[in-house]
Amino acid sequence: MAGLVVSGTQVSYIGQDCREIPEHLGRDCGHFAKRLDLSFNLLRCFVLHKLPRLKFLDARKVTRQEREEALVRGAFMKVVKPKPSNVDIADSQEHQYTPLPSASRELTS
């Protein structure tokens, strides 16, 4: 994997012009990584969406094109855990775990 540098629990994938976090980083390094450096890539739509007045990012001036892309795509780049719907809650309450009766726990029962 060209561009990937691992040093202990730090993983760096700098300057690779990726527009999303590569799947192989999570698969190969996610179990031990404590710090992930993705500097100088093409990820910052979400950052610019959250910080619209940011003037510099990765030591470069933020361009008009990057700001426009952040307006269009930035809000959709955040990973959000879906909230359970009322149907999911009703199903989970209907199928709650109940322990087996004590007599059926023995191997001979």
PDB file of N, CA and C in Angstrom:
ATOM      1  N   MET A   1       0.848  -1.182   0.000  1.00  0.00           N
ATOM      2  CA  MET A   1       0.000   0.000   0.000  1.00  0.00           C
ATOM      3  C   MET A   1       0.891   1.241   0.000  1.00  0.00           C
ATOM      4  N   ALA A   2       1.086   1.791  -1.136  1.00  0.00           N
ATOM      5  CA  ALA A   2       1.916   2.978  -1.272  1.00  0.00           C
ATOM      6  C   ALA A   2       1.318   4.136  -0.486  1.00  0.00           C
ATOM      7  N   GLY A   3       2.171   4.884   0.179  1.00  0.00           N
ATOM      8  CA  GLY A   3       1.711   6.048   0.918  1.00  0.00           C
ATOM      9  C   GLY A   3       1.336   5.765   2.361  1.00  0.00           C
ATOM     10  N   LEU A   4       1.187   4.508   2.720  1.00  0.00           N
ATOM     11  CA  LEU A   4       0.804   4.141   4.076  1.00  0.00           C
ATOM     12  C   LEU A   4       2.058   4.019   4.938  1.00  0.00           C
ATOM     13  N   VAL A   5       2.063   4.736   6.084  1.00  0.00           N
ATOM     14  CA  VAL A   5       3.175   4.668   7.025  1.00  0.00           C
ATOM     15  C   VAL A   5       2.605   4.320   8.390  1.00  0.00           C
ATOM     16  N   VAL A   6       3.144   3.278   8.990  1.00  0.00           N
ATOM     17  CA  VAL A   6       2.699   2.831  10.315  1.00  0.00           C
ATOM     18  C   VAL A   6       3.871   2.956  11.267  1.00  0.00           C
ATOM     19  N   SER A   7       3.623   3.623  12.387  1.00  0.00           N
ATOM     20  CA  SER A   7       4.643   3.782  13.417  1.00  0.00           C
ATOM     21  C   SER A   7       3.974   3.529  14.761  1.00  0.00           C
ATOM     22  N   GLY A   8       4.120   2.324  15.268  1.00  0.00           N
ATOM     23  CA  GLY A   8       3.449   1.962  16.517  1.00  0.00           C
ATOM     24  C   GLY A   8       1.947   1.966  16.315  1.00  0.00           C
ATOM     25  N   THR A   9       1.257   2.841  17.061  1.00  0.00           N
ATOM     26  CA  THR A   9      -0.196   2.935  16.934  1.00  0.00           C
ATOM     27  C   THR A   9      -0.624   4.114  16.070  1.00  0.00           C
ATOM     28  N   GLN A  10       0.331   4.770  15.406  1.00  0.00           N
ATOM     29  CA  GLN A  10       0.020   5.891  14.522  1.00  0.00           C
ATOM     30  C   GLN A  10       0.034   5.419  13.070  1.00  0.00           C
ATOM     31  N   VAL A  11      -1.021   5.744  12.351  1.00  0.00           N
ATOM     32  CA  VAL A  11      -1.144   5.400  10.938  1.00  0.00           C
ATOM     33  C   VAL A  11      -1.238   6.698  10.160  1.00  0.00           C
ATOM     34  N   SER A  12      -0.395   6.844   9.152  1.00  0.00           N
ATOM     35  CA  SER A  12      -0.399   8.043   8.317  1.00  0.00           C
ATOM     36  C   SER A  12      -0.679   7.642   6.872  1.00  0.00           C
ATOM     37  N   TYR A  13      -1.571   8.372   6.249  1.00  0.00           N
ATOM     38  CA  TYR A  13      -1.900   8.196   4.835  1.00  0.00           C
ATOM     39  C   TYR A  13      -2.005   9.598   4.263  1.00  0.00           C
ATOM     40  N   ILE A  14      -0.855  10.204   4.089  1.00  0.00           N
ATOM     41  CA  ILE A  14      -0.761  11.634   3.794  1.00  0.00           C
ATOM     42  C   ILE A  14      -0.545  11.862   2.300  1.00  0.00           C
ATOM     43  N   GLY A  15      -1.251  12.865   1.755  1.00  0.00           N
ATOM     44  CA  GLY A  15      -1.021  13.320   0.395  1.00  0.00           C
ATOM     45  C   GLY A  15      -1.345  12.324  -0.687  1.00  0.00           C
ATOM     46  N   GLN A  16      -2.398  11.550  -0.507  1.00  0.00           N
ATOM     47  CA  GLN A  16      -2.753  10.527  -1.477  1.00  0.00           C
ATOM     48  C   GLN A  16      -3.918  10.939  -2.388  1.00  0.00           C
ATOM     49  N   ASP A  17      -4.388  12.166  -2.245  1.00  0.00           N
ATOM     50  CA  ASP A  17      -5.492  12.695  -3.055  1.00  0.00           C
ATOM     51  C   ASP A  17      -6.759  11.833  -2.989  1.00  0.00           C
ATOM     52  N   CYS A  18      -6.972  11.159  -1.839  1.00  0.00           N
ATOM     53  CA  CYS A  18      -8.186  10.350  -1.722  1.00  0.00           C
ATOM     54  C   CYS A  18      -9.360  11.245  -1.325  1.00  0.00           C
ATOM     55  N   ARG A  19     -10.525  10.926  -1.855  1.00  0.00           N
ATOM     56  CA  ARG A  19     -11.744  11.686  -1.588  1.00  0.00           C
ATOM     57  C   ARG A  19     -12.584  11.049  -0.482  1.00  0.00           C
ATOM     58  N   GLU A  20     -12.233   9.848  -0.092  1.00  0.00           N
ATOM     59  CA  GLU A  20     -12.886   9.185   1.035  1.00  0.00           C
ATOM     60  C   GLU A  20     -11.840   8.338   1.744  1.00  0.00           C
ATOM     61  N   ILE A  21     -12.124   7.968   2.974  1.00  0.00           N
ATOM     62  CA  ILE A  21     -11.158   7.169   3.727  1.00  0.00           C
ATOM     63  C   ILE A  21     -11.124   5.772   3.114  1.00  0.00           C
ATOM     64  N   PRO A  22      -9.951   5.335   2.657  1.00  0.00           N
ATOM     65  CA  PRO A  22      -9.856   4.030   2.001  1.00  0.00           C
ATOM     66  C   PRO A  22     -10.267   2.899   2.941  1.00  0.00           C
ATOM     67  N   GLU A  23     -11.029   1.963   2.401  1.00  0.00           N
ATOM     68  CA  GLU A  23     -11.539   0.844   3.185  1.00  0.00           C
ATOM     69  C   GLU A  23     -10.411   0.012   3.791  1.00  0.00           C
ATOM     70  N   HIS A  24      -9.306  -0.134   3.051  1.00  0.00           N
ATOM     71  CA  HIS A  24      -8.207  -0.966   3.545  1.00  0.00           C
ATOM     72  C   HIS A  24      -7.576  -0.408   4.815  1.00  0.00           C
ATOM     73  N   LEU A  25      -7.682   0.894   5.067  1.00  0.00           N
ATOM     74  CA  LEU A  25      -7.114   1.444   6.306  1.00  0.00           C
ATOM     75  C   LEU A  25      -7.826   0.882   7.524  1.00  0.00           C
ATOM     76  N   GLY A  26      -9.147   0.883   7.489  1.00  0.00           N
ATOM     77  CA  GLY A  26      -9.910   0.330   8.603  1.00  0.00           C
ATOM     78  C   GLY A  26      -9.710  -1.168   8.749  1.00  0.00           C
ATOM     79  N   ARG A  27      -9.719  -1.856   7.623  1.00  0.00           N
ATOM     80  CA  ARG A  27      -9.582  -3.315   7.637  1.00  0.00           C
ATOM     81  C   ARG A  27      -8.205  -3.746   8.143  1.00  0.00           C
ATOM     82  N   ASP A  28      -7.159  -3.082   7.665  1.00  0.00           N
ATOM     83  CA  ASP A  28      -5.803  -3.507   7.989  1.00  0.00           C
ATOM     84  C   ASP A  28      -5.229  -2.872   9.260  1.00  0.00           C
ATOM     85  N   CYS A  29      -5.686  -1.683   9.610  1.00  0.00           N
ATOM     86  CA  CYS A  29      -5.062  -0.950  10.716  1.00  0.00           C
ATOM     87  C   CYS A  29      -6.026  -0.590  11.843  1.00  0.00           C
ATOM     88  N   GLY A  30      -7.312  -0.758  11.625  1.00  0.00           N
ATOM     89  CA  GLY A  30      -8.304  -0.310  12.599  1.00  0.00           C
ATOM     90  C   GLY A  30      -8.218  -0.980  13.951  1.00  0.00           C
ATOM     91  N   HIS A  31      -7.716  -2.176  14.005  1.00  0.00           N
ATOM     92  CA  HIS A  31      -7.672  -2.904  15.284  1.00  0.00           C
ATOM     93  C   HIS A  31      -6.563  -2.426  16.212  1.00  0.00           C
ATOM     94  N   PHE A  32      -5.572  -1.670  15.703  1.00  0.00           N
ATOM     95  CA  PHE A  32      -4.491  -1.213  16.583  1.00  0.00           C
ATOM     96  C   PHE A  32      -4.271   0.301  16.549  1.00  0.00           C
ATOM     97  N   ALA A  33      -4.796   0.983  15.555  1.00  0.00           N
ATOM     98  CA  ALA A  33      -4.513   2.410  15.387  1.00  0.00           C
ATOM     99  C   ALA A  33      -5.162   3.246  16.489  1.00  0.00           C
ATOM    100  N   LYS A  34      -4.367   4.159  17.040  1.00  0.00           N
ATOM    101  CA  LYS A  34      -4.866   5.118  18.019  1.00  0.00           C
ATOM    102  C   LYS A  34      -4.918   6.512  17.414  1.00  0.00           C
ATOM    103  N   ARG A  35      -4.130   6.740  16.357  1.00  0.00           N
ATOM    104  CA  ARG A  35      -4.080   8.047  15.703  1.00  0.00           C
ATOM    105  C   ARG A  35      -4.013   7.831  14.198  1.00  0.00           C
ATOM    106  N   LEU A  36      -4.840   8.557  13.471  1.00  0.00           N
ATOM    107  CA  LEU A  36      -4.886   8.456  12.018  1.00  0.00           C
ATOM    108  C   LEU A  36      -4.665   9.833  11.428  1.00  0.00           C
ATOM    109  N   ASP A  37      -3.627   9.977  10.618  1.00  0.00           N
ATOM    110  CA  ASP A  37      -3.297  11.250   9.986  1.00  0.00           C
ATOM    111  C   ASP A  37      -3.635  11.157   8.505  1.00  0.00           C
ATOM    112  N   LEU A  38      -4.633  11.918   8.088  1.00  0.00           N
ATOM    113  CA  LEU A  38      -5.075  11.939   6.697  1.00  0.00           C
ATOM    114  C   LEU A  38      -4.825  13.306   6.064  1.00  0.00           C
ATOM    115  N   SER A  39      -3.790  13.983   6.515  1.00  0.00           N
ATOM    116  CA  SER A  39      -3.474  15.317   6.001  1.00  0.00           C
ATOM    117  C   SER A  39      -3.224  15.287   4.498  1.00  0.00           C
ATOM    118  N   PHE A  40      -3.496  16.416   3.872  1.00  0.00           N
ATOM    119  CA  PHE A  40      -3.209  16.626   2.457  1.00  0.00           C
ATOM    120  C   PHE A  40      -3.896  15.605   1.551  1.00  0.00           C
ATOM    121  N   ASN A  41      -5.141  15.316   1.855  1.00  0.00           N
ATOM    122  CA  ASN A  41      -5.993  14.514   0.990  1.00  0.00           C
ATOM    123  C   ASN A  41      -7.161  15.392   0.564  1.00  0.00           C
ATOM    124  N   LEU A  42      -8.135  14.838  -0.053  1.00  0.00           N
ATOM    125  CA  LEU A  42      -9.282  15.608  -0.547  1.00  0.00           C
ATOM    126  C   LEU A  42     -10.531  15.307   0.277  1.00  0.00           C
ATOM    127  N   LEU A  43     -10.339  15.285   1.650  1.00  0.00           N
ATOM    128  CA  LEU A  43     -11.424  14.951   2.564  1.00  0.00           C
ATOM    129  C   LEU A  43     -12.041  16.203   3.194  1.00  0.00           C
ATOM    130  N   ARG A  44     -11.823  17.295   2.962  1.00  0.00           N
ATOM    131  CA  ARG A  44     -12.107  18.294   3.972  1.00  0.00           C
ATOM    132  C   ARG A  44     -13.484  18.932   3.836  1.00  0.00           C
ATOM    133  N   CYS A  45     -14.373  18.350   2.749  1.00  0.00           N
ATOM    134  CA  CYS A  45     -15.739  18.909   2.564  1.00  0.00           C
ATOM    135  C   CYS A  45     -16.470  19.038   3.893  1.00  0.00           C
ATOM    136  N   PHE A  46     -16.405  17.975   4.705  1.00  0.00           N
ATOM    137  CA  PHE A  46     -17.141  18.031   5.967  1.00  0.00           C
ATOM    138  C   PHE A  46     -16.547  19.081   6.897  1.00  0.00           C
ATOM    139  N   VAL A  47     -15.224  19.189   6.915  1.00  0.00           N
ATOM    140  CA  VAL A  47     -14.573  20.195   7.761  1.00  0.00           C
ATOM    141  C   VAL A  47     -15.005  21.594   7.331  1.00  0.00           C
ATOM    142  N   LEU A  48     -14.989  21.845   6.028  1.00  0.00           N
ATOM    143  CA  LEU A  48     -15.397  23.169   5.535  1.00  0.00           C
ATOM    144  C   LEU A  48     -16.886  23.419   5.754  1.00  0.00           C
ATOM    145  N   HIS A  49     -17.669  22.356   5.730  1.00  0.00           N
ATOM    146  CA  HIS A  49     -19.099  22.507   6.017  1.00  0.00           C
ATOM    147  C   HIS A  49     -19.306  22.960   7.470  1.00  0.00           C
ATOM    148  N   LYS A  50     -18.540  22.354   8.377  1.00  0.00           N
ATOM    149  CA  LYS A  50     -18.674  22.696   9.793  1.00  0.00           C
ATOM    150  C   LYS A  50     -17.985  24.006  10.150  1.00  0.00           C
ATOM    151  N   LEU A  51     -16.930  24.370   9.405  1.00  0.00           N
ATOM    152  CA  LEU A  51     -16.167  25.590   9.673  1.00  0.00           C
ATOM    153  C   LEU A  51     -16.128  26.445   8.399  1.00  0.00           C
ATOM    154  N   PRO A  52     -17.237  27.031   8.010  1.00  0.00           N
ATOM    155  CA  PRO A  52     -17.309  27.715   6.709  1.00  0.00           C
ATOM    156  C   PRO A  52     -16.389  28.925   6.579  1.00  0.00           C
ATOM    157  N   ARG A  53     -15.933  29.501   7.671  1.00  0.00           N
ATOM    158  CA  ARG A  53     -15.050  30.669   7.587  1.00  0.00           C
ATOM    159  C   ARG A  53     -13.570  30.297   7.647  1.00  0.00           C
ATOM    160  N   LEU A  54     -13.275  29.007   7.613  1.00  0.00           N
ATOM    161  CA  LEU A  54     -11.893  28.546   7.628  1.00  0.00           C
ATOM    162  C   LEU A  54     -11.167  29.067   6.390  1.00  0.00           C
ATOM    163  N   LYS A  55      -9.987  29.627   6.596  1.00  0.00           N
ATOM    164  CA  LYS A  55      -9.249  30.232   5.485  1.00  0.00           C
ATOM    165  C   LYS A  55      -8.148  29.333   4.948  1.00  0.00           C
ATOM    166  N   PHE A  56      -7.539  28.518   5.813  1.00  0.00           N
ATOM    167  CA  PHE A  56      -6.464  27.622   5.394  1.00  0.00           C
ATOM    168  C   PHE A  56      -6.761  26.221   5.890  1.00  0.00           C
ATOM    169  N   LEU A  57      -6.448  25.255   5.056  1.00  0.00           N
ATOM    170  CA  LEU A  57      -6.627  23.856   5.411  1.00  0.00           C
ATOM    171  C   LEU A  57      -5.449  23.100   4.800  1.00  0.00           C
ATOM    172  N   ASP A  58      -4.752  22.300   5.601  1.00  0.00           N
ATOM    173  CA  ASP A  58      -3.550  21.597   5.132  1.00  0.00           C
ATOM    174  C   ASP A  58      -2.521  22.568   4.583  1.00  0.00           C
ATOM    175  N   ALA A  59      -2.348  23.693   5.258  1.00  0.00           N
ATOM    176  CA  ALA A  59      -1.351  24.711   4.900  1.00  0.00           C
ATOM    177  C   ALA A  59      -1.578  25.330   3.526  1.00  0.00           C
ATOM    178  N   ARG A  60      -2.799  25.212   3.008  1.00  0.00           N
ATOM    179  CA  ARG A  60      -3.149  25.829   1.724  1.00  0.00           C
ATOM    180  C   ARG A  60      -4.393  26.681   1.913  1.00  0.00           C
ATOM    181  N   LYS A  61      -4.508  27.714   1.123  1.00  0.00           N
ATOM    182  CA  LYS A  61      -5.685  28.554   1.169  1.00  0.00           C
ATOM    183  C   LYS A  61      -6.879  27.782   0.613  1.00  0.00           C
ATOM    184  N   VAL A  62      -8.021  27.880   1.301  1.00  0.00           N
ATOM    185  CA  VAL A  62      -9.234  27.199   0.857  1.00  0.00           C
ATOM    186  C   VAL A  62      -9.732  27.883  -0.412  1.00  0.00           C
ATOM    187  N   THR A  63     -10.002  27.079  -1.447  1.00  0.00           N
ATOM    188  CA  THR A  63     -10.431  27.636  -2.732  1.00  0.00           C
ATOM    189  C   THR A  63     -11.943  27.800  -2.784  1.00  0.00           C
ATOM    190  N   ARG A  64     -12.388  28.606  -3.734  1.00  0.00           N
ATOM    191  CA  ARG A  64     -13.828  28.802  -3.947  1.00  0.00           C
ATOM    192  C   ARG A  64     -14.487  27.468  -4.318  1.00  0.00           C
ATOM    193  N   GLN A  65     -13.812  26.675  -5.129  1.00  0.00           N
ATOM    194  CA  GLN A  65     -14.349  25.375  -5.538  1.00  0.00           C
ATOM    195  C   GLN A  65     -14.538  24.452  -4.325  1.00  0.00           C
ATOM    196  N   GLU A  66     -13.582  24.452  -3.402  1.00  0.00           N
ATOM    197  CA  GLU A  66     -13.708  23.635  -2.192  1.00  0.00           C
ATOM    198  C   GLU A  66     -14.878  24.103  -1.334  1.00  0.00           C
ATOM    199  N   ARG A  67     -15.071  25.409  -1.238  1.00  0.00           N
ATOM    200  CA  ARG A  67     -16.215  25.939  -0.466  1.00  0.00           C
ATOM    201  C   ARG A  67     -17.543  25.536  -1.099  1.00  0.00           C
ATOM    202  N   GLU A  68     -17.624  25.612  -2.425  1.00  0.00           N
ATOM    203  CA  GLU A  68     -18.855  25.237  -3.126  1.00  0.00           C
ATOM    204  C   GLU A  68     -19.151  23.750  -2.945  1.00  0.00           C
ATOM    205  N   GLU A  69     -18.118  22.928  -3.034  1.00  0.00           N
ATOM    206  CA  GLU A  69     -18.305  21.487  -2.828  1.00  0.00           C
ATOM    207  C   GLU A  69     -18.751  21.202  -1.400  1.00  0.00           C
ATOM    208  N   ALA A  70     -18.206  21.932  -0.438  1.00  0.00           N
ATOM    209  CA  ALA A  70     -18.596  21.751   0.960  1.00  0.00           C
ATOM    210  C   ALA A  70     -20.065  22.111   1.171  1.00  0.00           C
ATOM    211  N   LEU A  71     -20.542  23.133   0.473  1.00  0.00           N
ATOM    212  CA  LEU A  71     -21.956  23.505   0.587  1.00  0.00           C
ATOM    213  C   LEU A  71     -22.862  22.403   0.057  1.00  0.00           C
ATOM    214  N   VAL A  72     -22.442  21.767  -1.027  1.00  0.00           N
ATOM    215  CA  VAL A  72     -23.267  20.739  -1.667  1.00  0.00           C
ATOM    216  C   VAL A  72     -23.159  19.398  -0.963  1.00  0.00           C
ATOM    217  N   ARG A  73     -21.926  18.976  -0.616  1.00  0.00           N
ATOM    218  CA  ARG A  73     -21.711  17.620  -0.118  1.00  0.00           C
ATOM    219  C   ARG A  73     -21.344  17.510   1.351  1.00  0.00           C
ATOM    220  N   GLY A  74     -20.910  18.584   1.962  1.00  0.00           N
ATOM    221  CA  GLY A  74     -20.353  18.530   3.310  1.00  0.00           C
ATOM    222  C   GLY A  74     -21.259  17.914   4.358  1.00  0.00           C
ATOM    223  N   ALA A  75     -22.526  18.247   4.327  1.00  0.00           N
ATOM    224  CA  ALA A  75     -23.455  17.747   5.343  1.00  0.00           C
ATOM    225  C   ALA A  75     -23.671  16.243   5.228  1.00  0.00           C
ATOM    226  N   PHE A  76     -23.431  15.689   4.048  1.00  0.00           N
ATOM    227  CA  PHE A  76     -23.692  14.268   3.822  1.00  0.00           C
ATOM    228  C   PHE A  76     -22.491  13.383   4.107  1.00  0.00           C
ATOM    229  N   MET A  77     -21.378  13.969   4.493  1.00  0.00           N
ATOM    230  CA  MET A  77     -20.170  13.192   4.707  1.00  0.00           C
ATOM    231  C   MET A  77     -20.023  12.708   6.140  1.00  0.00           C
ATOM    232  N   LYS A  78     -20.867  13.158   7.035  1.00  0.00           N
ATOM    233  CA  LYS A  78     -20.805  12.720   8.421  1.00  0.00           C
ATOM    234  C   LYS A  78     -21.510  11.377   8.556  1.00  0.00           C
ATOM    235  N   VAL A  79     -20.910  10.462   9.275  1.00  0.00           N
ATOM    236  CA  VAL A  79     -21.518   9.163   9.523  1.00  0.00           C
ATOM    237  C   VAL A  79     -22.437   9.299  10.731  1.00  0.00           C
ATOM    238  N   VAL A  80     -23.695   8.924  10.548  1.00  0.00           N
ATOM    239  CA  VAL A  80     -24.684   9.074  11.602  1.00  0.00           C
ATOM    240  C   VAL A  80     -25.322   7.728  11.885  1.00  0.00           C
ATOM    241  N   LYS A  81     -25.419   7.386  13.147  1.00  0.00           N
ATOM    242  CA  LYS A  81     -26.096   6.159  13.534  1.00  0.00           C
ATOM    243  C   LYS A  81     -27.596   6.396  13.466  1.00  0.00           C
ATOM    244  N   PRO A  82     -28.336   5.568  12.728  1.00  0.00           N
ATOM    245  CA  PRO A  82     -29.778   5.793  12.619  1.00  0.00           C
ATOM    246  C   PRO A  82     -30.473   5.586  13.953  1.00  0.00           C
ATOM    247  N   LYS A  83     -31.481   6.407  14.180  1.00  0.00           N
ATOM    248  CA  LYS A  83     -32.274   6.273  15.396  1.00  0.00           C
ATOM    249  C   LYS A  83     -33.312   5.179  15.165  1.00  0.00           C
ATOM    250  N   PRO A  84     -33.622   4.402  16.193  1.00  0.00           N
ATOM    251  CA  PRO A  84     -34.624   3.352  16.002  1.00  0.00           C
ATOM    252  C   PRO A  84     -36.002   3.967  15.764  1.00  0.00           C
ATOM    253  N   SER A  85     -36.738   3.353  14.855  1.00  0.00           N
ATOM    254  CA  SER A  85     -38.091   3.836  14.589  1.00  0.00           C
ATOM    255  C   SER A  85     -39.037   3.250  15.618  1.00  0.00           C
ATOM    256  N   ASN A  86     -40.263   3.734  15.655  1.00  0.00           N
ATOM    257  CA  ASN A  86     -41.267   3.221  16.595  1.00  0.00           C
ATOM    258  C   ASN A  86     -41.533   1.735  16.359  1.00  0.00           C
ATOM    259  N   VAL A  87     -41.464   1.296  15.101  1.00  0.00           N
ATOM    260  CA  VAL A  87     -41.678  -0.112  14.783  1.00  0.00           C
ATOM    261  C   VAL A  87     -40.563  -0.949  15.393  1.00  0.00           C
ATOM    262  N   ASP A  88     -39.314  -0.489  15.289  1.00  0.00           N
ATOM    263  CA  ASP A  88     -38.183  -1.214  15.879  1.00  0.00           C
ATOM    264  C   ASP A  88     -38.319  -1.327  17.391  1.00  0.00           C
ATOM    265  N   ILE A  89     -38.748  -0.250  18.033  1.00  0.00           N
ATOM    266  CA  ILE A  89     -38.916  -0.251  19.494  1.00  0.00           C
ATOM    267  C   ILE A  89     -40.011  -1.227  19.895  1.00  0.00           C
ATOM    268  N   ALA A  90     -41.140  -1.212  19.168  1.00  0.00           N
ATOM    269  CA  ALA A  90     -42.243  -2.125  19.479  1.00  0.00           C
ATOM    270  C   ALA A  90     -41.809  -3.573  19.301  1.00  0.00           C
ATOM    271  N   ASP A  91     -41.064  -3.873  18.221  1.00  0.00           N
ATOM    272  CA  ASP A  91     -40.578  -5.230  17.987  1.00  0.00           C
ATOM    273  C   ASP A  91     -39.632  -5.676  19.089  1.00  0.00           C
ATOM    274  N   SER A  92     -38.730  -4.795  19.518  1.00  0.00           N
ATOM    275  CA  SER A  92     -37.762  -5.182  20.534  1.00  0.00           C
ATOM    276  C   SER A  92     -38.436  -5.403  21.883  1.00  0.00           C
ATOM    277  N   GLN A  93     -39.491  -4.645  22.192  1.00  0.00           N
ATOM    278  CA  GLN A  93     -40.205  -4.843  23.448  1.00  0.00           C
ATOM    279  C   GLN A  93     -41.023  -6.122  23.409  1.00  0.00           C
ATOM    280  N   GLU A  94     -41.541  -6.455  22.247  1.00  0.00           N
ATOM    281  CA  GLU A  94     -42.351  -7.652  22.093  1.00  0.00           C
ATOM    282  C   GLU A  94     -41.501  -8.912  22.207  1.00  0.00           C
ATOM    283  N   HIS A  95     -40.236  -8.851  21.792  1.00  0.00           N
ATOM    284  CA  HIS A  95     -39.355 -10.012  21.776  1.00  0.00           C
ATOM    285  C   HIS A  95     -38.241  -9.872  22.797  1.00  0.00           C
ATOM    286  N   GLN A  96     -38.556  -9.431  23.988  1.00  0.00           N
ATOM    287  CA  GLN A  96     -37.534  -9.286  25.013  1.00  0.00           C
ATOM    288  C   GLN A  96     -37.061 -10.658  25.487  1.00  0.00           C
ATOM    289  N   TYR A  97     -35.823 -10.696  25.896  1.00  0.00           N
ATOM    290  CA  TYR A  97     -35.227 -11.928  26.402  1.00  0.00           C
ATOM    291  C   TYR A  97     -35.859 -12.311  27.730  1.00  0.00           C
ATOM    292  N   THR A  98     -36.197 -13.576  27.849  1.00  0.00           N
ATOM    293  CA  THR A  98     -36.654 -14.107  29.133  1.00  0.00           C
ATOM    294  C   THR A  98     -35.852 -15.374  29.406  1.00  0.00           C
ATOM    295  N   PRO A  99     -35.336 -15.545  30.620  1.00  0.00           N
ATOM    296  CA  PRO A  99     -34.520 -16.728  30.908  1.00  0.00           C
ATOM    297  C   PRO A  99     -35.362 -17.996  30.914  1.00  0.00           C
ATOM    298  N   LEU A 100     -34.682 -19.107  30.654  1.00  0.00           N
ATOM    299  CA  LEU A 100     -35.371 -20.397  30.717  1.00  0.00           C
ATOM    300  C   LEU A 100     -35.732 -20.707  32.166  1.00  0.00           C
ATOM    301  N   PRO A 101     -36.801 -21.453  32.366  1.00  0.00           N
ATOM    302  CA  PRO A 101     -37.119 -21.860  33.747  1.00  0.00           C
ATOM    303  C   PRO A 101     -35.972 -22.675  34.320  1.00  0.00           C
ATOM    304  N   SER A 102     -35.782 -22.588  35.621  1.00  0.00           N
ATOM    305  CA  SER A 102     -34.629 -23.234  36.247  1.00  0.00           C
ATOM    306  C   SER A 102     -34.622 -24.743  36.017  1.00  0.00           C
ATOM    307  N   ALA A 103     -35.788 -25.393  35.928  1.00  0.00           N
ATOM    308  CA  ALA A 103     -35.836 -26.842  35.717  1.00  0.00           C
ATOM    309  C   ALA A 103     -35.296 -27.223  34.342  1.00  0.00           C
ATOM    310  N   SER A 104     -35.432 -26.375  33.346  1.00  0.00           N
ATOM    311  CA  SER A 104     -34.969 -26.720  31.995  1.00  0.00           C
ATOM    312  C   SER A 104     -33.496 -26.427  31.787  1.00  0.00           C
ATOM    313  N   ARG A 105     -32.814 -25.881  32.766  1.00  0.00           N
ATOM    314  CA  ARG A 105     -31.389 -25.565  32.646  1.00  0.00           C
ATOM    315  C   ARG A 105     -30.502 -26.787  32.832  1.00  0.00           C
ATOM    316  N   GLU A 106     -31.040 -27.841  33.425  1.00  0.00           N
ATOM    317  CA  GLU A 106     -30.242 -29.051  33.639  1.00  0.00           C
ATOM    318  C   GLU A 106     -30.144 -29.836  32.334  1.00  0.00           C
ATOM    319  N   LEU A 107     -29.026 -30.516  32.130  1.00  0.00           N
ATOM    320  CA  LEU A 107     -28.798 -31.261  30.905  1.00  0.00           C
ATOM    321  C   LEU A 107     -29.773 -32.421  30.738  1.00  0.00           C
ATOM    322  N   THR A 108     -30.285 -32.954  31.829  1.00  0.00           N
ATOM    323  CA  THR A 108     -31.174 -34.122  31.739  1.00  0.00           C
ATOM    324  C   THR A 108     -32.610 -33.711  31.438  1.00  0.00           C
ATOM    325  N   SER A 109     -32.929 -32.421  31.529  1.00  0.00           N
ATOM    326  CA  SER A 109     -34.319 -31.978  31.303  1.00  0.00           C
ATOM    327  C   SER A 109     -34.617 -31.848  29.833  1.00  0.00           C
TER     328      SER A 109
END
